[in-house]
Each structure stands twice: as C-alpha cells, then as structure tokens.
Amino acid sequence: MALPVVEVAGRSWNRRQFLIAGGAAVAAWPVLAGPRSAFAQKSVTLRDYPFTLGVASGDPSPDGFVIWTRLAPKPLEGGGMPTENVIVDWQVADDEGMTNVIAKGTAVASRELAHAVHVEVQGLEPGRWYWYQFQAAGEVSPKGRGRTTPKAEETPDRLRFAFASCQHFETGLFTAYQHMVKEDLDLIAHLGDYIYEGAGREKQIRQHVGPKLHTLDDYRNRYAQYRSDAFLQAAHAKCPWLVTWDDHEFENNYAGLIPEKEVDLAAFQIRRAYAYQAWYEHMPVRRAQMPKGPDLLLYRQVHFGKLANFAILDSRQYRTDQPCGDGNKPPCAAALDPNATLLGDIQEKWLYKTLDASPATWNVLTQQVMMARVDFTPGPVKSHSMDQWPGYEANRQRVLKYFAERRPSNPIVLTGDIHSNWANNLQLDCENEKSPVVGTEFVGTSISSGGDGAEATPRADALHAENPFVKFFNAERGYVSCEVTPKMWTTRYQTVPFVTKPDAPLVTRKTFVVENGRPGAVEA
C-alpha cells in the first residue's frame, strides 16, 4: 500500500522517510493545537514575579500585531509555574500612560506552551503607535510598544528599522541593543542565531545554563536565559520584531533533517521538534507559526504599505544537504545540481509569486546566509562557503535570474550568520565586473558572537581585490540601521569596538545608499 505524501510548507515528503529513520519515535513528536485543557485558573499565587522575561510585539499588520509574554517566576528552572493553565489579562492603549484603553481581553497561558501567551490584537487603526501590558497572579508586566503598519494602498514617507543576528550569550554582552533602543525605529528584524545550543563553558564572559540542548526543558531554559538580558528585553519592548531563525536555534549547520555530524536520526528529529516548539514559545509570532512536530511554517510576508514588503525566508528547514560538503571549499559540480536547494521547491515558488504580486517600492528578503558568491582565497584558487548560497549555486542563479528577468522593484537582501559586515552588489555573473547588478545585499555582523571584533582593514583590501562586487567589509560587532523612503534606501553600519566589557560606545562605521531603480550600494 502506498504511503501518504505529507504536504509541508517548504517541500513534499513521504512518511517513509521519517519511519525508516525514526520508527515509533514519530509518535513522540509534540503536535500542538493550543492548550489541551479547557480549564484555566484565574487566581494563582506565585512567590516570585512572573514577568521576568519581559514582553514583545511582532508581525504587525494595518489593523494589529502580536503581543507576547511568558509567565516564568523561575526562568532558569523550567519556569517555576504550577501545572495548571493560567488566565492572563491584556490591554492595549493609545497612550503610554495606559489611560485610554482601546482593546483588552484574556488569554490562556497554557502549560503545554510553557505558559507563554501569544495574542493577535486586531481592530486597531493603521499606521500608528500603541502600548500594551499584561496582568496575571496579581502582578503587572512591563509595558511594551507596538505599531500597526500603514494601509495597504498607502505609501508612507519613511520607514526606519534595524536588523541584527548572532547573539552568543557566552562570548559577549548585548551592548548593541543598548544603543539600538535609542534609535527612532518602526521595526526590528532578527535574522537568526537568537540562541546558541552548546553546553555551558567556564571562563566565558557569561556562562550558559545547562548542557548541550537536547530536551524541551533544555531549550526553554536557554531561551529564558537569553530573554533575561535587560538590553534584549528593552529592544523587544521598543517596537515590533520580524523574526526568523538560522541554525543555532537547533543545531549548527543542519540541513533539513540532516545533521552536521552523524547522530541517531530519530533522536535528531525529536530534538528538532523540541527546538521549534521552544522557538515558537519565545517569539512574537502568529498562530500560523505554531509548530507541528518537527515542522513549522516560518516563511511569510509583512507589508509596510506600498513602501516596503518583507519576505521573511527560511533557509534551514527545507534545504538539501550541502552538495559539496561543509566549510570553505573550491566549487564542485554538485553545487550546480538543480535539485540542490536552499529554500525547498515550494518556498522558492512562493517567493517568486510573492515578488510578482508585490506593489512595494522596495522588496526586502530577510534571510540567513550570504547570497553573494565571495571567493575567500586570494589568487587563482577559489573557495566559497558551502553552507551559504554559493554552495547551492543553481538555486542562487535561479533567484538572481528571476531578479534580472522579472524585475521585482528594488530587491534588497538582508543577511546575518557570518559575524561580519558586508555590502555586496549582486551580479548575474560575479566573475565579470561588467555583469549587470540585479540586487543589493547588506550583511550585518553579530551582536556578540565571536567576542570583540576588529575593523580588519587588511582583509577588507584582499577581499575587495578578489571580489570587486564587495563594497564593504568589517568585522566589528554591532547591528545595521536602515532608513527607507520612496526615493532612497540608506544603510548605516553601527558598530561597537568591544563586547567583553560594558559601556562600549557606538560608531557609525560606514553608510551606503541605494537609489530607487538603480540596484547596487553606493557609499554616502
């Protein structure tokens, strides 16, 4: 008898693939559909303050946004909540003092979701700021600030947002967020590596709690530790976030259901289900992103009127194994295999359909790994990162050819992962300096991963000599700030000289602009 084909968001797979690898372990995957108990306890007494992880908002629309919190009086000890579901009151006001409440309700903080709350607020006015707050167990949460996006048919004068990635708790302080919250921002985009999965190590700037992450409780405690950081909490309370993931939210350099190193595949699949559930529990995302076992529909779009459209991509869940192996290596024939994919067939088609339908002036791909085909070895021998888009060259070429032939308005690719800043012009043929530029890529450095960085000017000169399409390279820590108008995109690389001690100053290291209708980064 033929086994059923299961349609997931990025690819189609046969259940036999899982049964062969995992056997009866499939039945152990958590499949969430909300609280399993209809009962919730309105009055609960807690010894400690439950809103230790702060609040957050995300995925805004013209009439609302998601608001999030998690009840966790003992955040590093599994949360410290009773086993009952708990009622949480929420309210949204149009003033910071919360005197004019315009929306309110109750939500269930369920034990199945670690007593996290995701409220999809609706019925608000487009293009304006609101404030929100939660109440439970006789305690009141910190206030957060959210905003709705402009009307779909409106072209606002300006959008200001920042993007960041790679915040290793052990290797540095989150000083970049301390500076980020001082900017006038409409949105913050996080491009992945929100947590790191390794075991706690001694003699670090800060030490991870627990072992290498394997269980659901392990992942929950790790997210709670990161969420306990005051600067990160402040950034979440500042404005709505658009979040995606990369690899360290689960396992370094994994590809779909293929681990970096050989392990028991059944356990690997179950661990992916735990990782995805804990990610959902701690992110301000919609119910559409609730996981089903080891699957989670992450890719989606967020419109900022007709000014900008954000296509939020997932380059981990559906990718095939790195065709040429991992690491920096010379290109191999397997990278040109059209079946080797970073996005998965369904997500790739979704991306093209989304860009075809977009009325936005600026089409923004918020994603994880570098798209530019950078040669990391000086001289005639070439080497590329096989975990990035060049490792899947056929897939990369399809996207760039789409940019060239279908001409979506002003494609801008935002990237994290690599712990350094880059500004890249995306060309159809990167071997030919005269090849048309079809898009622009801005790569942001890490918040803290890698410890104290450096400007690395000698390497920058070598990289530019080998790759003329690279317009900027910098290896300091920090984030990237963007200002978008109908005529111009401005990118500012905001860096901090150190993260191994507090109070690092902020330096705007370089500024680039892209003119509407003229792809490519130009130094301002």
Protein backbone atom coordinates (compact mmCIF):
# COMPACT_ATOMS: atom_id res chain seq x y z
CA MET A 1 0.00 0.00 0.00
CA ALA A 2 1.33 3.43 -0.92
CA LEU A 3 2.25 5.63 1.99
CA PRO A 4 0.60 9.07 2.10
CA VAL A 5 2.53 12.09 0.90
CA VAL A 6 2.57 14.80 3.53
CA GLU A 7 2.48 18.39 2.29
CA VAL A 8 4.55 20.68 4.46
CA ALA A 9 5.18 24.32 3.78
CA GLY A 10 8.52 24.04 2.03
CA ARG A 11 8.69 20.58 0.44
CA SER A 12 6.73 17.38 -0.07
CA TRP A 13 7.99 14.28 1.71
CA ASN A 14 6.88 10.71 2.13
CA ARG A 15 6.18 9.46 5.63
CA ARG A 16 8.51 6.52 4.92
CA GLN A 17 11.47 8.93 5.15
CA PHE A 18 10.62 9.52 8.79
CA LEU A 19 9.57 5.95 9.61
CA ILE A 20 12.80 4.49 8.31
CA ALA A 21 14.88 6.95 10.29
CA GLY A 22 12.74 7.27 13.37
CA GLY A 23 10.38 4.32 13.66
CA ALA A 24 7.98 4.67 16.54
CA ALA A 25 9.69 7.90 17.59
CA VAL A 26 7.36 9.73 15.21
CA ALA A 27 4.57 9.25 17.73
CA ALA A 28 6.61 11.12 20.32
CA TRP A 29 6.68 14.39 18.38
CA PRO A 30 4.68 17.11 20.11
CA VAL A 31 1.86 18.27 17.82
CA LEU A 32 0.40 21.45 19.24
CA ALA A 33 -3.04 22.82 18.63
CA GLY A 34 -3.19 25.17 21.59
CA PRO A 35 -3.95 24.32 25.22
CA ARG A 36 -5.08 20.71 25.61
CA SER A 37 -7.09 21.55 28.70
CA ALA A 38 -10.20 23.72 28.55
CA PHE A 39 -9.70 24.71 32.15
CA ALA A 40 -7.67 27.70 33.26
CA GLN A 41 -7.03 29.03 36.72
CA LYS A 42 -7.91 32.71 37.07
CA SER A 43 -6.41 33.19 40.53
CA VAL A 44 -2.98 31.79 41.13
CA THR A 45 -0.49 32.70 43.83
CA LEU A 46 3.19 32.88 42.93
CA ARG A 47 6.07 33.63 45.24
CA ASP A 48 8.10 35.40 42.58
CA TYR A 49 7.40 37.97 39.87
CA PRO A 50 6.11 36.08 36.80
CA PHE A 51 7.04 38.56 34.02
CA THR A 52 10.80 38.03 34.30
CA LEU A 53 11.19 37.61 30.52
CA GLY A 54 9.58 40.89 29.58
CA VAL A 55 7.16 41.48 26.72
CA ALA A 56 7.36 41.69 22.94
CA SER A 57 5.34 42.51 19.85
CA GLY A 58 5.75 41.30 16.29
CA ASP A 59 4.42 40.66 12.78
CA PRO A 60 2.38 43.87 12.51
CA SER A 61 -0.47 44.42 10.06
CA PRO A 62 -2.59 47.50 9.26
CA ASP A 63 -5.09 46.59 12.00
CA GLY A 64 -2.95 44.97 14.67
CA PHE A 65 0.09 42.99 15.78
CA VAL A 66 1.06 40.09 18.02
CA ILE A 67 1.79 40.72 21.68
CA TRP A 68 3.76 38.17 23.69
CA THR A 69 4.84 37.32 27.19
CA ARG A 70 5.66 34.20 29.18
CA LEU A 71 4.97 33.58 32.86
CA ALA A 72 8.25 32.36 34.36
CA PRO A 73 8.88 33.23 38.03
CA LYS A 74 11.90 30.90 37.98
CA PRO A 75 13.02 31.30 34.37
CA LEU A 76 16.17 29.15 34.51
CA GLU A 77 14.44 26.30 36.33
CA GLY A 78 11.78 25.33 33.83
CA GLY A 79 9.78 28.46 34.51
CA GLY A 80 8.64 27.67 38.04
CA MET A 81 4.93 27.71 37.19
CA PRO A 82 2.24 25.39 38.60
CA THR A 83 0.91 22.69 36.29
CA GLU A 84 -2.41 24.49 35.75
CA ASN A 85 -3.19 26.74 32.83
CA VAL A 86 -3.42 30.37 33.95
CA ILE A 87 -5.61 33.22 32.73
CA VAL A 88 -3.66 36.32 31.68
CA ASP A 89 -5.35 39.69 31.16
CA TRP A 90 -4.05 42.01 28.45
CA GLN A 91 -4.82 45.50 27.31
CA VAL A 92 -3.76 47.90 24.57
CA ALA A 93 -3.88 51.68 24.90
CA ASP A 94 -3.18 54.55 22.54
CA ASP A 95 -1.15 56.41 25.17
CA GLU A 96 1.96 55.43 27.10
CA GLY A 97 0.26 56.02 30.42
CA MET A 98 -2.29 53.31 29.52
CA THR A 99 -5.17 55.63 30.45
CA ASN A 100 -7.11 55.27 27.17
CA VAL A 101 -7.53 51.51 26.73
CA ILE A 102 -8.91 50.69 23.30
CA ALA A 103 -8.60 46.88 23.32
CA LYS A 104 -8.46 44.31 26.09
CA GLY A 105 -9.13 40.66 26.76
CA THR A 106 -7.92 37.47 28.37
CA ALA A 107 -5.61 34.74 27.13
CA VAL A 108 -4.66 31.31 28.43
CA ALA A 109 -1.06 30.76 29.45
CA SER A 110 -1.03 27.01 28.94
CA ARG A 111 1.33 24.52 30.48
CA GLU A 112 1.79 22.86 27.06
CA LEU A 113 3.38 26.09 25.77
CA ALA A 114 5.49 26.82 28.86
CA HIS A 115 2.86 29.36 29.99
CA ALA A 116 3.66 31.61 27.04
CA VAL A 117 0.97 33.91 25.63
CA HIS A 118 0.52 35.00 22.01
CA VAL A 119 -2.31 37.47 21.43
CA GLU A 120 -3.15 38.56 17.89
CA VAL A 121 -4.55 42.03 18.52
CA GLN A 122 -6.98 43.23 15.85
CA GLY A 123 -9.24 46.19 15.16
CA LEU A 124 -6.62 48.91 15.58
CA GLU A 125 -6.06 51.93 13.37
CA PRO A 126 -3.38 51.66 10.67
CA GLY A 127 -0.02 53.40 10.79
CA ARG A 128 0.16 54.39 14.45
CA TRP A 129 1.76 53.51 17.77
CA TYR A 130 0.14 51.71 20.71
CA TRP A 131 1.21 50.49 24.13
CA TYR A 132 0.32 47.16 25.74
CA GLN A 133 0.59 45.37 29.07
CA PHE A 134 -0.30 42.05 30.71
CA GLN A 135 -1.57 41.13 34.18
CA ALA A 136 -1.55 37.77 35.98
CA ALA A 137 -1.21 36.42 39.53
CA GLY A 138 -1.76 39.90 40.92
CA GLU A 139 1.24 41.27 39.07
CA VAL A 140 1.57 43.63 36.11
CA SER A 141 4.08 43.20 33.30
CA PRO A 142 6.38 45.88 31.92
CA LYS A 143 4.83 47.97 29.16
CA GLY A 144 5.67 47.35 25.55
CA ARG A 145 5.24 49.49 22.46
CA GLY A 146 3.75 48.18 19.23
CA ARG A 147 2.67 49.75 15.98
CA THR A 148 0.42 48.94 13.11
CA THR A 149 1.64 49.17 9.54
CA PRO A 150 0.23 51.71 7.08
CA LYS A 151 -2.79 50.95 4.90
CA ALA A 152 -2.02 48.56 2.06
CA GLU A 153 -2.65 51.24 -0.56
CA GLU A 154 -0.64 53.94 1.24
CA THR A 155 2.98 54.88 0.52
CA PRO A 156 4.41 56.33 3.75
CA ASP A 157 7.17 58.91 3.65
CA ARG A 158 9.62 56.84 5.66
CA LEU A 159 10.39 53.54 7.34
CA ARG A 160 13.16 53.15 9.89
CA PHE A 161 14.24 49.73 11.08
CA ALA A 162 17.29 47.85 12.33
CA PHE A 163 18.40 44.28 11.76
CA ALA A 164 20.60 42.02 13.87
CA SER A 165 21.67 38.40 14.31
CA CYS A 166 24.01 36.05 16.15
CA GLN A 167 23.84 36.88 19.85
CA HIS A 168 26.03 34.36 21.64
CA PHE A 169 25.38 34.83 25.37
CA GLU A 170 28.73 33.44 26.48
CA THR A 171 31.06 35.38 24.19
CA GLY A 172 29.85 38.93 24.75
CA LEU A 173 27.42 41.44 26.16
CA PHE A 174 24.38 42.62 24.20
CA THR A 175 25.60 46.22 24.20
CA ALA A 176 24.42 46.74 20.63
CA TYR A 177 20.81 46.54 21.82
CA GLN A 178 21.58 49.17 24.44
CA HIS A 179 22.31 51.55 21.58
CA MET A 180 19.65 50.25 19.22
CA VAL A 181 16.80 51.23 21.55
CA LYS A 182 17.91 54.86 21.38
CA GLU A 183 17.13 55.00 17.66
CA ASP A 184 13.74 56.03 16.29
CA LEU A 185 12.71 52.63 14.87
CA ASP A 186 9.47 51.30 13.41
CA LEU A 187 10.64 47.68 13.29
CA ILE A 188 13.50 45.38 14.27
CA ALA A 189 14.32 42.32 12.13
CA HIS A 190 16.23 39.42 13.67
CA LEU A 191 17.88 37.14 11.11
CA GLY A 192 18.72 34.13 13.24
CA ASP A 193 21.00 32.59 15.85
CA TYR A 194 18.88 34.08 18.60
CA ILE A 195 20.34 31.45 20.96
CA TYR A 196 23.29 29.06 20.78
CA GLU A 197 22.83 25.39 21.55
CA GLY A 198 26.19 24.48 23.09
CA ALA A 199 26.82 23.38 26.67
CA GLY A 200 27.84 25.96 29.25
CA ARG A 201 31.58 26.64 29.35
CA GLU A 202 33.63 28.07 32.18
CA LYS A 203 35.73 31.24 31.99
CA GLN A 204 33.44 32.96 29.48
CA ILE A 205 32.00 36.47 29.68
CA ARG A 206 28.78 34.81 30.81
CA GLN A 207 28.05 31.11 31.14
CA HIS A 208 25.22 29.18 29.53
CA VAL A 209 22.96 27.27 31.88
CA GLY A 210 22.75 23.56 31.32
CA PRO A 211 24.26 21.03 28.91
CA LYS A 212 24.13 21.00 25.13
CA LEU A 213 20.47 21.33 24.28
CA HIS A 214 18.57 18.08 23.78
CA THR A 215 15.30 18.21 25.72
CA LEU A 216 12.40 20.63 25.54
CA ASP A 217 13.27 21.90 29.02
CA ASP A 218 16.88 22.47 27.90
CA TYR A 219 15.74 24.68 25.04
CA ARG A 220 13.23 26.53 27.21
CA ASN A 221 15.82 27.33 29.87
CA ARG A 222 18.28 28.57 27.26
CA TYR A 223 15.71 30.93 25.71
CA ALA A 224 14.79 32.12 29.18
CA GLN A 225 18.43 32.90 29.94
CA TYR A 226 18.78 34.97 26.77
CA ARG A 227 15.42 36.65 27.34
CA SER A 228 16.55 37.66 30.83
CA ASP A 229 19.09 40.08 29.34
CA ALA A 230 17.94 43.63 30.10
CA PHE A 231 19.13 45.14 26.80
CA LEU A 232 17.41 42.43 24.76
CA GLN A 233 14.21 42.91 26.74
CA ALA A 234 14.33 46.65 26.10
CA ALA A 235 14.74 46.08 22.36
CA HIS A 236 11.74 43.75 22.30
CA ALA A 237 9.64 46.30 24.18
CA LYS A 238 10.75 49.09 21.82
CA CYS A 239 8.83 48.14 18.66
CA PRO A 240 7.55 45.12 16.70
CA TRP A 241 10.04 42.45 15.62
CA LEU A 242 10.17 40.36 12.46
CA VAL A 243 11.91 37.11 13.37
CA THR A 244 13.37 34.19 11.51
CA TRP A 245 15.94 31.59 12.55
CA ASP A 246 19.20 30.18 11.29
CA ASP A 247 20.94 27.05 12.59
CA HIS A 248 21.94 27.56 16.22
CA GLU A 249 18.33 27.72 17.38
CA PHE A 250 18.59 23.97 16.79
CA GLU A 251 21.95 22.59 15.64
CA ASN A 252 24.94 24.11 13.86
CA ASN A 253 24.83 23.88 10.04
CA TYR A 254 21.99 21.38 9.90
CA ALA A 255 20.22 20.93 6.56
CA GLY A 256 16.56 19.97 6.84
CA LEU A 257 16.56 16.64 8.65
CA ILE A 258 20.28 16.09 8.03
CA PRO A 259 22.57 16.81 11.00
CA GLU A 260 26.02 18.36 10.75
CA LYS A 261 27.53 15.22 12.26
CA GLU A 262 26.28 11.66 12.21
CA VAL A 263 23.80 11.07 15.02
CA ASP A 264 20.73 8.94 15.66
CA LEU A 265 18.19 10.34 13.18
CA ALA A 266 15.14 9.52 15.29
CA ALA A 267 16.55 11.49 18.22
CA PHE A 268 17.57 14.27 15.82
CA GLN A 269 14.00 14.64 14.54
CA ILE A 270 12.56 14.71 18.04
CA ARG A 271 15.13 17.31 19.08
CA ARG A 272 14.18 19.45 16.08
CA ALA A 273 10.56 19.30 17.24
CA TYR A 274 11.65 20.46 20.72
CA ALA A 275 13.77 23.26 19.26
CA TYR A 276 10.99 24.52 17.03
CA GLN A 277 8.44 24.42 19.84
CA ALA A 278 10.70 26.38 22.21
CA TRP A 279 11.38 28.93 19.45
CA TYR A 280 7.65 29.44 18.96
CA GLU A 281 7.07 29.73 22.69
CA HIS A 282 9.51 32.63 22.95
CA MET A 283 8.85 34.60 19.75
CA PRO A 284 6.14 37.21 18.99
CA VAL A 285 4.70 35.32 16.02
CA ARG A 286 1.21 34.35 14.95
CA ARG A 287 -0.71 31.13 15.46
CA ALA A 288 0.13 30.26 11.84
CA GLN A 289 3.70 29.67 13.07
CA MET A 290 2.69 27.13 15.73
CA PRO A 291 4.80 24.01 15.08
CA LYS A 292 3.51 20.56 14.20
CA GLY A 293 6.17 18.19 15.42
CA PRO A 294 9.41 18.92 13.56
CA ASP A 295 7.68 21.25 11.07
CA LEU A 296 6.98 24.95 11.45
CA LEU A 297 5.72 27.33 8.75
CA LEU A 298 8.22 30.15 9.16
CA TYR A 299 8.30 31.92 5.80
CA ARG A 300 5.74 34.70 5.44
CA GLN A 301 5.48 38.35 4.38
CA VAL A 302 4.87 41.63 6.19
CA HIS A 303 3.88 44.75 4.24
CA PHE A 304 4.74 48.30 5.25
CA GLY A 305 2.17 49.89 2.98
CA LYS A 306 3.40 50.21 -0.60
CA LEU A 307 6.80 51.39 0.58
CA ALA A 308 8.35 48.04 1.56
CA ASN A 309 7.44 44.38 1.55
CA PHE A 310 9.39 41.98 3.80
CA ALA A 311 9.62 38.38 2.57
CA ILE A 312 10.82 36.51 5.65
CA LEU A 313 12.63 33.36 4.50
CA ASP A 314 13.65 30.02 5.99
CA SER A 315 16.88 28.66 4.53
CA ARG A 316 17.31 25.78 7.02
CA GLN A 317 14.18 23.67 7.28
CA TYR A 318 13.84 22.64 3.63
CA ARG A 319 17.39 22.68 2.31
CA THR A 320 19.09 19.61 0.94
CA ASP A 321 22.45 18.53 2.33
CA GLN A 322 25.37 20.83 1.47
CA PRO A 323 26.22 19.48 -2.03
CA CYS A 324 29.98 19.95 -1.73
CA GLY A 325 30.27 19.28 1.98
CA ASP A 326 30.64 21.96 4.64
CA GLY A 327 33.22 24.71 5.19
CA ASN A 328 35.09 26.91 2.69
CA LYS A 329 35.96 24.79 -0.33
CA PRO A 330 36.55 25.04 -4.08
CA PRO A 331 33.29 24.84 -6.01
CA CYS A 332 32.20 21.38 -7.11
CA ALA A 333 29.87 20.13 -9.82
CA ALA A 334 27.23 19.11 -7.26
CA ALA A 335 26.59 22.77 -6.42
CA LEU A 336 25.16 23.14 -9.93
CA ASP A 337 22.67 20.32 -9.42
CA PRO A 338 19.25 21.94 -9.95
CA ASN A 339 17.80 19.62 -7.29
CA ALA A 340 20.17 21.01 -4.64
CA THR A 341 18.07 23.60 -2.87
CA LEU A 342 18.43 26.10 -0.07
CA LEU A 343 14.77 27.12 0.07
CA GLY A 344 12.90 24.00 -0.95
CA ASP A 345 10.76 23.91 -4.08
CA ILE A 346 7.52 25.14 -2.53
CA GLN A 347 9.09 28.06 -0.67
CA GLU A 348 11.06 29.11 -3.76
CA LYS A 349 7.87 29.21 -5.85
CA TRP A 350 6.16 31.12 -3.03
CA LEU A 351 8.97 33.69 -3.09
CA TYR A 352 8.61 34.32 -6.82
CA LYS A 353 4.82 34.54 -6.55
CA THR A 354 5.15 36.95 -3.61
CA LEU A 355 7.56 39.21 -5.51
CA ASP A 356 5.43 39.08 -8.66
CA ALA A 357 2.41 40.29 -6.71
CA SER A 358 4.22 42.89 -4.61
CA PRO A 359 3.27 46.53 -5.25
CA ALA A 360 6.06 47.74 -2.95
CA THR A 361 8.80 50.15 -3.97
CA TRP A 362 11.34 48.07 -2.02
CA ASN A 363 11.21 44.27 -1.86
CA VAL A 364 13.20 43.05 1.13
CA LEU A 365 14.36 39.46 1.65
CA THR A 366 15.11 38.95 5.34
CA GLN A 367 17.11 35.74 5.43
CA GLN A 368 20.10 33.99 6.95
CA VAL A 369 23.17 33.20 4.83
CA MET A 370 25.20 35.27 2.37
CA MET A 371 23.93 35.31 -1.19
CA ALA A 372 26.98 36.94 -2.84
CA ARG A 373 29.46 34.40 -4.25
CA VAL A 374 32.50 35.53 -2.31
CA ASP A 375 35.88 33.97 -3.07
CA PHE A 376 37.68 33.67 0.27
CA THR A 377 41.08 32.55 -1.13
CA PRO A 378 43.47 35.06 -2.77
CA GLY A 379 44.96 34.04 -6.09
CA PRO A 380 43.82 31.62 -8.79
CA VAL A 381 42.41 29.00 -6.39
CA LYS A 382 38.82 29.75 -5.44
CA SER A 383 36.92 28.82 -2.31
CA HIS A 384 33.37 29.58 -1.25
CA SER A 385 31.32 28.92 1.86
CA MET A 386 29.41 25.74 1.13
CA ASP A 387 26.82 26.44 3.84
CA GLN A 388 25.85 29.71 2.13
CA TRP A 389 24.08 30.35 -1.18
CA PRO A 390 27.22 29.60 -3.31
CA GLY A 391 27.09 26.02 -2.03
CA TYR A 392 23.74 25.82 -3.83
CA GLU A 393 24.82 27.70 -6.94
CA ALA A 394 21.98 26.51 -9.17
CA ASN A 395 19.42 27.78 -6.64
CA ARG A 396 21.35 31.06 -6.27
CA GLN A 397 21.43 31.56 -10.03
CA ARG A 398 17.69 30.94 -10.30
CA VAL A 399 16.98 33.71 -7.79
CA LEU A 400 19.35 36.18 -9.48
CA LYS A 401 17.94 35.37 -12.93
CA TYR A 402 14.48 35.96 -11.53
CA PHE A 403 15.65 39.41 -10.34
CA ALA A 404 17.01 40.13 -13.83
CA GLU A 405 14.10 38.82 -15.88
CA ARG A 406 11.03 39.56 -13.76
CA ARG A 407 12.45 42.79 -12.36
CA PRO A 408 10.78 42.99 -8.94
CA SER A 409 11.09 46.55 -7.69
CA ASN A 410 14.40 47.18 -5.88
CA PRO A 411 15.30 43.77 -4.38
CA ILE A 412 17.28 44.18 -1.15
CA VAL A 413 18.71 41.08 0.55
CA LEU A 414 19.36 41.31 4.30
CA THR A 415 21.69 38.69 5.74
CA GLY A 416 23.19 37.60 9.07
CA ASP A 417 25.15 34.48 10.10
CA ILE A 418 28.72 35.44 9.22
CA HIS A 419 29.67 37.68 12.21
CA SER A 420 30.89 40.49 9.98
CA ASN A 421 29.54 43.43 7.98
CA TRP A 422 29.40 43.34 4.18
CA ALA A 423 27.88 45.43 1.41
CA ASN A 424 27.61 43.38 -1.79
CA ASN A 425 26.35 44.14 -5.27
CA LEU A 426 24.55 41.07 -6.58
CA GLN A 427 25.56 40.38 -10.18
CA LEU A 428 24.38 37.73 -12.60
CA ASP A 429 28.00 36.81 -13.31
CA CYS A 430 30.27 37.70 -10.40
CA GLU A 431 33.32 36.70 -12.48
CA ASN A 432 32.61 39.60 -14.85
CA GLU A 433 32.88 43.10 -13.38
CA LYS A 434 30.65 44.43 -16.18
CA SER A 435 27.87 41.94 -15.47
CA PRO A 436 24.57 43.66 -14.58
CA VAL A 437 23.85 44.36 -10.92
CA VAL A 438 20.40 42.93 -10.20
CA GLY A 439 20.13 43.45 -6.45
CA THR A 440 21.87 44.67 -3.32
CA GLU A 441 22.88 42.66 -0.26
CA PHE A 442 23.55 44.13 3.17
CA VAL A 443 25.10 41.67 5.63
CA GLY A 444 25.03 42.53 9.32
CA THR A 445 27.62 41.48 11.86
CA SER A 446 26.87 39.69 15.12
CA ILE A 447 25.50 41.24 18.28
CA SER A 448 28.14 39.38 20.32
CA SER A 449 29.15 36.11 18.64
CA GLY A 450 32.89 35.87 18.19
CA GLY A 451 33.70 38.23 21.04
CA ASP A 452 35.45 41.52 20.43
CA GLY A 453 35.78 42.17 16.72
CA ALA A 454 38.10 44.35 14.64
CA GLU A 455 37.91 46.58 11.60
CA ALA A 456 40.13 44.09 9.70
CA THR A 457 41.25 46.58 7.04
CA PRO A 458 43.98 44.33 5.52
CA ARG A 459 41.47 41.53 4.96
CA ALA A 460 39.00 44.02 3.55
CA ASP A 461 41.51 45.07 0.90
CA ALA A 462 42.22 41.44 -0.04
CA LEU A 463 38.54 40.57 -0.22
CA HIS A 464 37.79 43.54 -2.43
CA ALA A 465 40.69 42.72 -4.75
CA GLU A 466 39.38 39.18 -5.15
CA ASN A 467 35.69 40.21 -5.24
CA PRO A 468 35.11 43.65 -6.78
CA PHE A 469 31.38 43.42 -6.06
CA VAL A 470 32.18 43.57 -2.32
CA LYS A 471 31.91 47.25 -1.44
CA PHE A 472 32.50 46.97 2.31
CA PHE A 473 33.84 44.51 4.85
CA ASN A 474 34.15 45.00 8.60
CA ALA A 475 34.49 42.50 11.47
CA GLU A 476 33.36 44.54 14.48
CA ARG A 477 30.25 43.69 16.49
CA GLY A 478 27.01 45.67 16.27
CA TYR A 479 23.87 45.97 14.13
CA VAL A 480 22.63 47.64 10.95
CA SER A 481 20.22 50.58 10.83
CA CYS A 482 18.16 51.33 7.70
CA GLU A 483 16.10 54.32 6.61
CA VAL A 484 13.78 53.81 3.65
CA THR A 485 11.95 56.45 1.61
CA PRO A 486 10.23 56.21 -1.79
CA LYS A 487 13.39 57.57 -3.45
CA MET A 488 16.27 56.22 -1.37
CA TRP A 489 17.43 53.34 0.86
CA THR A 490 20.09 54.28 3.42
CA THR A 491 22.06 51.65 5.37
CA ARG A 492 24.23 52.55 8.36
CA TYR A 493 26.64 50.01 9.83
CA GLN A 494 26.51 50.63 13.60
CA THR A 495 29.45 49.07 15.43
CA VAL A 496 30.79 48.72 18.96
CA PRO A 497 34.55 48.27 19.49
CA PHE A 498 34.16 45.66 22.24
CA VAL A 499 31.57 43.39 23.86
CA THR A 500 33.69 41.72 26.53
CA LYS A 501 33.11 44.59 28.93
CA PRO A 502 30.22 47.03 29.35
CA ASP A 503 29.60 50.54 28.01
CA ALA A 504 31.15 50.26 24.57
CA PRO A 505 30.48 53.40 22.51
CA LEU A 506 28.57 53.30 19.23
CA VAL A 507 30.34 54.14 15.96
CA THR A 508 28.63 54.58 12.59
CA ARG A 509 31.39 52.84 10.66
CA LYS A 510 30.04 53.23 7.11
CA THR A 511 26.91 54.43 5.30
CA PHE A 512 25.61 53.25 1.93
CA VAL A 513 22.65 54.29 -0.19
CA VAL A 514 20.64 52.62 -2.95
CA GLU A 515 18.60 54.79 -5.27
CA ASN A 516 15.15 53.69 -6.36
CA GLY A 517 15.55 51.97 -9.73
CA ARG A 518 19.36 51.70 -9.53
CA PRO A 519 20.49 48.46 -7.83
CA GLY A 520 23.84 48.48 -6.07
CA ALA A 521 25.31 50.05 -2.94
CA VAL A 522 26.95 53.47 -3.19
CA GLU A 523 28.98 54.84 -0.28
CA ALA A 524 27.43 58.01 1.13
